[in-house]
Amino acid sequence: MRDYDEAIQFFVHALGFFVAEDSPSLDGDGQPKRWVVVKSSGAPTGILLAQARGEEQVNLIGHQFAGRVGLFLRVDDFDEAYERMSKYGVEFHTAPRAEPYGQVAVFSDLYGNKWDLLGPPHSSST
């Protein structure tokens, strides 16, 4: 990513994550950095946000998965998440659709990496 604070705002406000850790640290070359981990509520795992350094890393921002979906965000309330993200201005590449495994829509994060937003299947009315 390009900027810690910009990325934190996106993950917290658009995706509904929270900041689990934000601490000063040093990289392998002894240069200062921040150790920033964001998590989705109730998730045992998180995402470490790493700021790009140097031209080579900056040029790779948004291309980590070669244009394919590489990250998946599973939510309990698909409609609420889709609405919140849309209001925030998240770019969706597909309309929500029903698949056997649940609801899905493809979106990009603020740097262009593609994600699947996944929710439970719609329950059918009887």
Protein backbone atom coordinates (compact mmCIF):
# COMPACT_ATOMS: atom_id res chain seq x y z
CA MET A 1 0.00 0.00 0.00
CA ARG A 2 1.02 3.60 -0.41
CA ASP A 3 0.01 5.12 2.91
CA TYR A 4 -0.81 3.59 6.30
CA ASP A 5 -3.49 6.08 7.32
CA GLU A 6 -5.22 5.96 3.92
CA ALA A 7 -5.31 2.15 4.05
CA ILE A 8 -6.55 2.12 7.66
CA GLN A 9 -9.43 4.44 6.73
CA PHE A 10 -10.43 2.13 3.87
CA PHE A 11 -10.30 -1.08 5.90
CA VAL A 12 -12.14 0.43 8.88
CA HIS A 13 -14.80 2.51 7.13
CA ALA A 14 -15.37 0.65 3.86
CA LEU A 15 -14.79 -2.94 4.93
CA GLY A 16 -15.82 -2.74 8.59
CA PHE A 17 -12.48 -3.93 9.99
CA PHE A 18 -10.87 -2.64 13.18
CA VAL A 19 -7.25 -1.80 13.95
CA ALA A 20 -5.89 -4.67 16.06
CA GLU A 21 -2.38 -3.20 16.30
CA ASP A 22 -0.58 -0.04 15.21
CA SER A 23 2.95 0.09 16.60
CA PRO A 24 6.23 1.68 15.53
CA SER A 25 8.73 -0.85 14.24
CA LEU A 26 11.83 -1.24 12.07
CA ASP A 27 12.16 -3.04 8.77
CA GLY A 28 14.96 -5.48 7.90
CA ASP A 29 17.23 -2.58 6.99
CA GLY A 30 16.65 -0.81 10.30
CA GLN A 31 14.40 1.82 8.72
CA PRO A 32 11.34 2.97 10.67
CA LYS A 33 7.96 1.57 9.72
CA ARG A 34 4.63 0.84 11.36
CA TRP A 35 3.33 -2.60 12.30
CA VAL A 36 -0.35 -2.23 11.39
CA VAL A 37 -2.76 -5.16 11.60
CA VAL A 38 -6.45 -4.87 10.71
CA LYS A 39 -9.04 -7.54 11.45
CA SER A 40 -12.61 -8.27 10.62
CA SER A 41 -14.78 -8.53 13.73
CA GLY A 42 -14.77 -12.07 15.09
CA ALA A 43 -11.99 -13.22 12.76
CA PRO A 44 -9.01 -15.02 14.30
CA THR A 45 -6.70 -13.76 11.55
CA GLY A 46 -5.83 -10.29 10.31
CA ILE A 47 -4.10 -8.48 7.49
CA LEU A 48 -0.73 -6.83 7.98
CA LEU A 49 -0.65 -3.54 6.06
CA ALA A 50 2.80 -3.01 4.56
CA GLN A 51 3.81 0.28 3.01
CA ALA A 52 5.71 -0.01 -0.27
CA ARG A 53 9.28 1.23 -0.31
CA GLY A 54 11.18 2.06 -3.45
CA GLU A 55 10.11 2.20 -7.07
CA GLU A 56 9.94 -1.57 -7.58
CA GLN A 57 7.53 -2.10 -4.67
CA VAL A 58 5.45 0.97 -5.55
CA ASN A 59 5.06 -0.34 -9.12
CA LEU A 60 3.64 -3.62 -7.76
CA ILE A 61 0.89 -1.99 -5.69
CA GLY A 62 -2.47 -3.34 -6.83
CA HIS A 63 -0.91 -6.13 -8.90
CA GLN A 64 -0.22 -8.66 -6.17
CA PHE A 65 -2.66 -11.17 -7.70
CA ALA A 66 -2.04 -10.49 -11.40
CA GLY A 67 -5.53 -9.06 -11.96
CA ARG A 68 -7.33 -12.02 -10.38
CA VAL A 69 -9.32 -12.18 -7.17
CA GLY A 70 -6.79 -12.91 -4.44
CA LEU A 71 -8.60 -11.97 -1.24
CA PHE A 72 -11.94 -13.00 0.19
CA LEU A 73 -14.10 -11.17 2.72
CA ARG A 74 -16.83 -13.38 4.20
CA VAL A 75 -19.57 -11.49 6.02
CA ASP A 76 -22.70 -12.60 7.88
CA ASP A 77 -24.85 -9.78 6.44
CA PHE A 78 -24.04 -9.50 2.76
CA ASP A 79 -26.63 -6.81 2.00
CA GLU A 80 -25.42 -4.54 4.83
CA ALA A 81 -21.78 -4.94 3.81
CA TYR A 82 -22.54 -4.34 0.12
CA GLU A 83 -24.55 -1.21 0.94
CA ARG A 84 -21.89 0.19 3.32
CA MET A 85 -19.12 -0.45 0.82
CA SER A 86 -21.10 1.06 -2.06
CA LYS A 87 -21.81 4.20 -0.03
CA TYR A 88 -18.10 4.49 0.74
CA GLY A 89 -17.38 4.40 -3.01
CA VAL A 90 -15.89 0.92 -3.28
CA GLU A 91 -15.64 -0.14 -6.94
CA PHE A 92 -17.64 -3.30 -7.60
CA HIS A 93 -16.78 -5.17 -10.80
CA THR A 94 -19.79 -7.46 -10.67
CA ALA A 95 -23.32 -7.12 -9.39
CA PRO A 96 -24.19 -9.36 -6.45
CA ARG A 97 -25.09 -12.84 -7.59
CA ALA A 98 -26.20 -16.09 -6.01
CA GLU A 99 -23.89 -19.08 -6.20
CA PRO A 100 -24.31 -22.50 -4.55
CA TYR A 101 -21.87 -21.44 -1.80
CA GLY A 102 -23.59 -18.09 -1.17
CA GLN A 103 -23.81 -14.51 -2.39
CA VAL A 104 -20.80 -12.98 -4.09
CA ALA A 105 -19.67 -9.72 -5.69
CA VAL A 106 -16.18 -8.83 -6.90
CA PHE A 107 -14.70 -5.51 -5.75
CA SER A 108 -11.37 -3.70 -5.71
CA ASP A 109 -9.64 -2.28 -2.69
CA LEU A 110 -8.32 1.27 -2.87
CA TYR A 111 -5.15 0.06 -4.59
CA GLY A 112 -6.81 -2.11 -7.24
CA ASN A 113 -6.47 -5.59 -5.72
CA LYS A 114 -9.56 -7.69 -6.43
CA TRP A 115 -11.56 -9.30 -3.64
CA ASP A 116 -14.68 -11.44 -3.40
CA LEU A 117 -17.31 -10.18 -0.98
CA LEU A 118 -18.98 -13.40 0.19
CA GLY A 119 -22.14 -13.89 2.17
CA PRO A 120 -24.40 -16.77 3.12
CA PRO A 121 -26.91 -18.03 0.58
CA HIS A 122 -30.28 -16.29 0.55
CA SER A 123 -32.76 -18.47 2.41
CA SER A 124 -35.63 -19.47 0.21
CA SER A 125 -39.15 -18.67 1.35
CA THR A 126 -41.56 -21.57 1.66
